Amino acid sequence: MTAVLPRPGHGGRRRLLSLLGSILLGGCAVSTPYPRLSAPDAGGDDSVVLVLTRIVVDVDRRDEFDRQTKRVIDSMPQHPGLIGFSARRQLFGSEAWTMSVWASEEARAAFVRSSVHQRAMRQSQAAIVGVELKRLSLPRQQLPGNWAQALALLDQPEGRRSYEQ
């Protein structure tokens, strides 16, 4: 890895600390608890909608992104059709991930249209450098069992969409 250090006196202190943190702790990440999934419906249909995202954030604008992410996380239990969710982010880096599991595509779409999600997208847009998204409909037994499995699933090219600012 080649790093270009900022020149002293050019607002580089924060960038230098971020760079050093990325080098030393770039692989360190924290997450909300992995989702506990509710029991399958009595109707026997165990198909769910899994949504995985990887977001690259401008580290200089990360505070607003983190604020909006917290608002969305705090609102998650109130959304009908939510089965489970988790958010993950690098401690010293620019990546964040989300995972949510929904009872149906309609429940997922209603969440995306919700005022809290729409506001978060608008407020944090300037901080977002790029987004990868994967949405899958699959049986519950095929859901990833941990973040390592979720990230491996996100890295598979099938069904993945990428957006860059």
C-alpha atoms as a PDB file:
ATOM      1  CA  MET A   1       0.000   0.000   0.000  1.00  0.00           C
ATOM      2  CA  THR A   2       1.331   3.424  -0.946  1.00  0.00           C
ATOM      3  CA  ALA A   3       0.170   6.379   1.118  1.00  0.00           C
ATOM      4  CA  VAL A   4       0.571  10.038   0.347  1.00  0.00           C
ATOM      5  CA  LEU A   5       0.820  11.996   3.563  1.00  0.00           C
ATOM      6  CA  PRO A   6      -0.711  15.478   3.700  1.00  0.00           C
ATOM      7  CA  ARG A   7       1.569  18.482   3.944  1.00  0.00           C
ATOM      8  CA  PRO A   8       1.604  20.168   7.354  1.00  0.00           C
ATOM      9  CA  GLY A   9      -0.648  23.213   7.608  1.00  0.00           C
ATOM     10  CA  HIS A  10      -3.047  22.103   4.862  1.00  0.00           C
ATOM     11  CA  GLY A  11      -5.871  20.738   7.028  1.00  0.00           C
ATOM     12  CA  GLY A  12      -4.067  17.455   7.018  1.00  0.00           C
ATOM     13  CA  ARG A  13      -4.197  16.527  10.688  1.00  0.00           C
ATOM     14  CA  ARG A  14      -7.625  14.897  10.463  1.00  0.00           C
ATOM     15  CA  ARG A  15      -6.703  13.200   7.180  1.00  0.00           C
ATOM     16  CA  LEU A  16      -3.409  11.989   8.634  1.00  0.00           C
ATOM     17  CA  LEU A  17      -5.198  10.482  11.644  1.00  0.00           C
ATOM     18  CA  SER A  18      -7.773   8.901   9.353  1.00  0.00           C
ATOM     19  CA  LEU A  19      -5.044   7.531   7.089  1.00  0.00           C
ATOM     20  CA  LEU A  20      -3.063   6.095   9.999  1.00  0.00           C
ATOM     21  CA  GLY A  21      -6.237   4.588  11.437  1.00  0.00           C
ATOM     22  CA  SER A  22      -7.072   3.052   8.066  1.00  0.00           C
ATOM     23  CA  ILE A  23      -3.611   1.537   7.764  1.00  0.00           C
ATOM     24  CA  LEU A  24      -3.511   0.210  11.323  1.00  0.00           C
ATOM     25  CA  LEU A  25      -7.170  -0.649  11.867  1.00  0.00           C
ATOM     26  CA  GLY A  26      -8.684  -0.659   8.385  1.00  0.00           C
ATOM     27  CA  GLY A  27      -9.999  -4.164   8.824  1.00  0.00           C
ATOM     28  CA  CYS A  28     -11.616  -3.412  12.180  1.00  0.00           C
ATOM     29  CA  ALA A  29     -15.363  -2.996  12.030  1.00  0.00           C
ATOM     30  CA  VAL A  30     -18.248  -2.792  14.472  1.00  0.00           C
ATOM     31  CA  SER A  31     -21.831  -3.810  13.897  1.00  0.00           C
ATOM     32  CA  THR A  32     -25.205  -3.816  15.526  1.00  0.00           C
ATOM     33  CA  PRO A  33     -26.213  -7.305  16.683  1.00  0.00           C
ATOM     34  CA  TYR A  34     -26.797  -9.756  13.878  1.00  0.00           C
ATOM     35  CA  PRO A  35     -30.535 -10.067  13.208  1.00  0.00           C
ATOM     36  CA  ARG A  36     -32.605 -12.561  15.115  1.00  0.00           C
ATOM     37  CA  LEU A  37     -35.204 -13.815  12.732  1.00  0.00           C
ATOM     38  CA  SER A  38     -38.804 -14.300  13.716  1.00  0.00           C
ATOM     39  CA  ALA A  39     -40.411 -17.696  13.212  1.00  0.00           C
ATOM     40  CA  PRO A  40     -41.602 -18.638   9.715  1.00  0.00           C
ATOM     41  CA  ASP A  41     -45.200 -17.807   8.813  1.00  0.00           C
ATOM     42  CA  ALA A  42     -47.738 -20.501   9.648  1.00  0.00           C
ATOM     43  CA  GLY A  43     -48.699 -20.525   5.951  1.00  0.00           C
ATOM     44  CA  GLY A  44     -45.468 -22.387   5.177  1.00  0.00           C
ATOM     45  CA  ASP A  45     -43.978 -19.776   2.810  1.00  0.00           C
ATOM     46  CA  ASP A  46     -40.484 -19.296   4.203  1.00  0.00           C
ATOM     47  CA  SER A  47     -39.252 -17.045   1.369  1.00  0.00           C
ATOM     48  CA  VAL A  48     -37.860 -13.678   2.511  1.00  0.00           C
ATOM     49  CA  VAL A  49     -36.250 -10.617   0.915  1.00  0.00           C
ATOM     50  CA  LEU A  50     -32.608 -10.009   1.849  1.00  0.00           C
ATOM     51  CA  VAL A  51     -31.082  -6.596   1.142  1.00  0.00           C
ATOM     52  CA  LEU A  52     -27.321  -6.062   1.486  1.00  0.00           C
ATOM     53  CA  THR A  53     -25.530  -2.769   0.877  1.00  0.00           C
ATOM     54  CA  ARG A  54     -21.937  -1.607   0.932  1.00  0.00           C
ATOM     55  CA  ILE A  55     -21.565   2.169   1.175  1.00  0.00           C
ATOM     56  CA  VAL A  56     -18.319   4.065   0.647  1.00  0.00           C
ATOM     57  CA  VAL A  57     -18.377   7.338   2.559  1.00  0.00           C
ATOM     58  CA  ASP A  58     -16.280  10.490   2.261  1.00  0.00           C
ATOM     59  CA  VAL A  59     -14.494  10.387   5.643  1.00  0.00           C
ATOM     60  CA  ASP A  60     -14.557  14.173   5.886  1.00  0.00           C
ATOM     61  CA  ARG A  61     -18.381  14.104   5.735  1.00  0.00           C
ATOM     62  CA  ARG A  62     -18.951  10.943   7.722  1.00  0.00           C
ATOM     63  CA  ASP A  63     -20.602  12.636  10.723  1.00  0.00           C
ATOM     64  CA  GLU A  64     -23.820  13.401   8.821  1.00  0.00           C
ATOM     65  CA  PHE A  65     -23.905   9.922   7.331  1.00  0.00           C
ATOM     66  CA  ASP A  66     -23.507   8.383  10.806  1.00  0.00           C
ATOM     67  CA  ARG A  67     -26.250  10.636  12.236  1.00  0.00           C
ATOM     68  CA  GLN A  68     -28.695   9.639   9.523  1.00  0.00           C
ATOM     69  CA  THR A  69     -27.781   5.956   9.810  1.00  0.00           C
ATOM     70  CA  LYS A  70     -28.552   6.071  13.542  1.00  0.00           C
ATOM     71  CA  ARG A  71     -31.953   7.641  12.844  1.00  0.00           C
ATOM     72  CA  VAL A  72     -32.804   4.876  10.383  1.00  0.00           C
ATOM     73  CA  ILE A  73     -31.565   2.125  12.727  1.00  0.00           C
ATOM     74  CA  ASP A  74     -33.622   3.566  15.583  1.00  0.00           C
ATOM     75  CA  SER A  75     -36.726   3.487  13.355  1.00  0.00           C
ATOM     76  CA  MET A  76     -36.259  -0.047  12.010  1.00  0.00           C
ATOM     77  CA  PRO A  77     -38.314  -1.979  14.603  1.00  0.00           C
ATOM     78  CA  GLN A  78     -41.367   0.142  13.735  1.00  0.00           C
ATOM     79  CA  HIS A  79     -41.510  -0.938  10.071  1.00  0.00           C
ATOM     80  CA  PRO A  80     -44.118  -3.611   9.296  1.00  0.00           C
ATOM     81  CA  GLY A  81     -42.721  -6.707   7.628  1.00  0.00           C
ATOM     82  CA  LEU A  82     -39.199  -6.302   9.034  1.00  0.00           C
ATOM     83  CA  ILE A  83     -37.786  -9.639  10.132  1.00  0.00           C
ATOM     84  CA  GLY A  84     -34.247  -8.591  11.082  1.00  0.00           C
ATOM     85  CA  PHE A  85     -31.497  -6.070  10.392  1.00  0.00           C
ATOM     86  CA  SER A  86     -27.932  -5.141  11.181  1.00  0.00           C
ATOM     87  CA  ALA A  87     -25.541  -2.328  10.292  1.00  0.00           C
ATOM     88  CA  ARG A  88     -21.750  -2.510  10.200  1.00  0.00           C
ATOM     89  CA  ARG A  89     -18.998   0.051   9.662  1.00  0.00           C
ATOM     90  CA  GLN A  90     -15.252   0.310   9.670  1.00  0.00           C
ATOM     91  CA  LEU A  91     -13.899   1.987  12.777  1.00  0.00           C
ATOM     92  CA  PHE A  92     -11.237   3.841  10.809  1.00  0.00           C
ATOM     93  CA  GLY A  93     -12.119   3.715   7.175  1.00  0.00           C
ATOM     94  CA  SER A  94     -14.698   4.696   4.646  1.00  0.00           C
ATOM     95  CA  GLU A  95     -16.911   1.612   4.348  1.00  0.00           C
ATOM     96  CA  ALA A  96     -20.267   0.819   5.923  1.00  0.00           C
ATOM     97  CA  TRP A  97     -22.696  -2.044   5.288  1.00  0.00           C
ATOM     98  CA  THR A  98     -26.355  -2.726   5.958  1.00  0.00           C
ATOM     99  CA  MET A  99     -28.352  -5.920   5.951  1.00  0.00           C
ATOM    100  CA  SER A 100     -32.092  -6.208   6.296  1.00  0.00           C
ATOM    101  CA  VAL A 101     -34.504  -9.108   5.961  1.00  0.00           C
ATOM    102  CA  TRP A 102     -38.119  -8.468   4.981  1.00  0.00           C
ATOM    103  CA  ALA A 103     -41.235 -10.636   4.927  1.00  0.00           C
ATOM    104  CA  SER A 104     -42.074  -9.414   1.406  1.00  0.00           C
ATOM    105  CA  GLU A 105     -40.989  -7.131  -1.403  1.00  0.00           C
ATOM    106  CA  GLU A 106     -43.928  -4.852  -0.517  1.00  0.00           C
ATOM    107  CA  ALA A 107     -42.646  -4.426   3.057  1.00  0.00           C
ATOM    108  CA  ARG A 108     -39.152  -3.619   1.779  1.00  0.00           C
ATOM    109  CA  ALA A 109     -40.490  -1.089  -0.718  1.00  0.00           C
ATOM    110  CA  ALA A 110     -42.637   0.591   1.951  1.00  0.00           C
ATOM    111  CA  PHE A 111     -39.532   1.033   4.127  1.00  0.00           C
ATOM    112  CA  VAL A 112     -37.575   2.551   1.227  1.00  0.00           C
ATOM    113  CA  ARG A 113     -40.424   5.035   0.669  1.00  0.00           C
ATOM    114  CA  SER A 114     -40.715   5.858   4.392  1.00  0.00           C
ATOM    115  CA  SER A 115     -40.027   9.433   5.472  1.00  0.00           C
ATOM    116  CA  VAL A 116     -37.109   8.450   7.729  1.00  0.00           C
ATOM    117  CA  HIS A 117     -35.340   6.558   4.926  1.00  0.00           C
ATOM    118  CA  GLN A 118     -36.036   9.246   2.315  1.00  0.00           C
ATOM    119  CA  ARG A 119     -34.741  11.979   4.630  1.00  0.00           C
ATOM    120  CA  ALA A 120     -31.621   9.959   5.467  1.00  0.00           C
ATOM    121  CA  MET A 121     -30.886   9.494   1.773  1.00  0.00           C
ATOM    122  CA  ARG A 122     -31.234  13.239   1.096  1.00  0.00           C
ATOM    123  CA  GLN A 123     -29.264  14.385   4.158  1.00  0.00           C
ATOM    124  CA  SER A 124     -26.356  11.991   3.673  1.00  0.00           C
ATOM    125  CA  GLN A 125     -26.135  12.098  -0.131  1.00  0.00           C
ATOM    126  CA  ALA A 126     -23.152  14.491  -0.116  1.00  0.00           C
ATOM    127  CA  ALA A 127     -21.202  12.073   2.098  1.00  0.00           C
ATOM    128  CA  ILE A 128     -21.769   9.013  -0.091  1.00  0.00           C
ATOM    129  CA  VAL A 129     -19.074   8.225  -2.639  1.00  0.00           C
ATOM    130  CA  GLY A 130     -20.541   4.950  -3.874  1.00  0.00           C
ATOM    131  CA  VAL A 131     -23.078   2.231  -3.089  1.00  0.00           C
ATOM    132  CA  GLU A 132     -23.316  -1.455  -3.935  1.00  0.00           C
ATOM    133  CA  LEU A 133     -26.691  -3.066  -3.421  1.00  0.00           C
ATOM    134  CA  LYS A 134     -27.880  -6.646  -3.620  1.00  0.00           C
ATOM    135  CA  ARG A 135     -31.527  -7.657  -3.168  1.00  0.00           C
ATOM    136  CA  LEU A 136     -32.456 -11.325  -3.157  1.00  0.00           C
ATOM    137  CA  SER A 137     -35.591 -13.343  -2.569  1.00  0.00           C
ATOM    138  CA  LEU A 138     -34.590 -16.638  -0.979  1.00  0.00           C
ATOM    139  CA  PRO A 139     -35.636 -19.266   1.555  1.00  0.00           C
ATOM    140  CA  ARG A 140     -34.800 -18.415   5.178  1.00  0.00           C
ATOM    141  CA  GLN A 141     -32.441 -21.367   5.458  1.00  0.00           C
ATOM    142  CA  GLN A 142     -30.226 -19.766   2.778  1.00  0.00           C
ATOM    143  CA  LEU A 143     -29.794 -16.488   4.685  1.00  0.00           C
ATOM    144  CA  PRO A 144     -26.215 -15.702   5.712  1.00  0.00           C
ATOM    145  CA  GLY A 145     -25.527 -16.788   9.282  1.00  0.00           C
ATOM    146  CA  ASN A 146     -23.065 -13.992  10.087  1.00  0.00           C
ATOM    147  CA  TRP A 147     -21.453 -10.883   8.623  1.00  0.00           C
ATOM    148  CA  ALA A 148     -18.611 -12.827   6.987  1.00  0.00           C
ATOM    149  CA  GLN A 149     -21.151 -14.844   5.000  1.00  0.00           C
ATOM    150  CA  ALA A 150     -23.190 -11.719   4.195  1.00  0.00           C
ATOM    151  CA  LEU A 151     -20.111  -9.917   2.840  1.00  0.00           C
ATOM    152  CA  ALA A 152     -19.141 -12.945   0.747  1.00  0.00           C
ATOM    153  CA  LEU A 153     -22.668 -12.987  -0.695  1.00  0.00           C
ATOM    154  CA  LEU A 154     -22.478  -9.261  -1.456  1.00  0.00           C
ATOM    155  CA  ASP A 155     -19.171  -9.785  -3.278  1.00  0.00           C
ATOM    156  CA  GLN A 156     -20.742 -12.250  -5.714  1.00  0.00           C
ATOM    157  CA  PRO A 157     -21.472 -10.411  -8.973  1.00  0.00           C
ATOM    158  CA  GLU A 158     -24.921 -11.910  -9.620  1.00  0.00           C
ATOM    159  CA  GLY A 159     -27.652  -9.391  -8.898  1.00  0.00           C
ATOM    160  CA  ARG A 160     -25.292  -6.703  -7.557  1.00  0.00           C
ATOM    161  CA  ARG A 161     -25.838  -3.087  -8.588  1.00  0.00           C
ATOM    162  CA  SER A 162     -23.290  -0.327  -8.044  1.00  0.00           C
ATOM    163  CA  TYR A 163     -23.793   3.417  -7.922  1.00  0.00           C
ATOM    164  CA  GLU A 164     -21.102   6.072  -7.711  1.00  0.00           C
ATOM    165  CA  GLN A 165     -21.497   9.775  -6.992  1.00  0.00           C
END
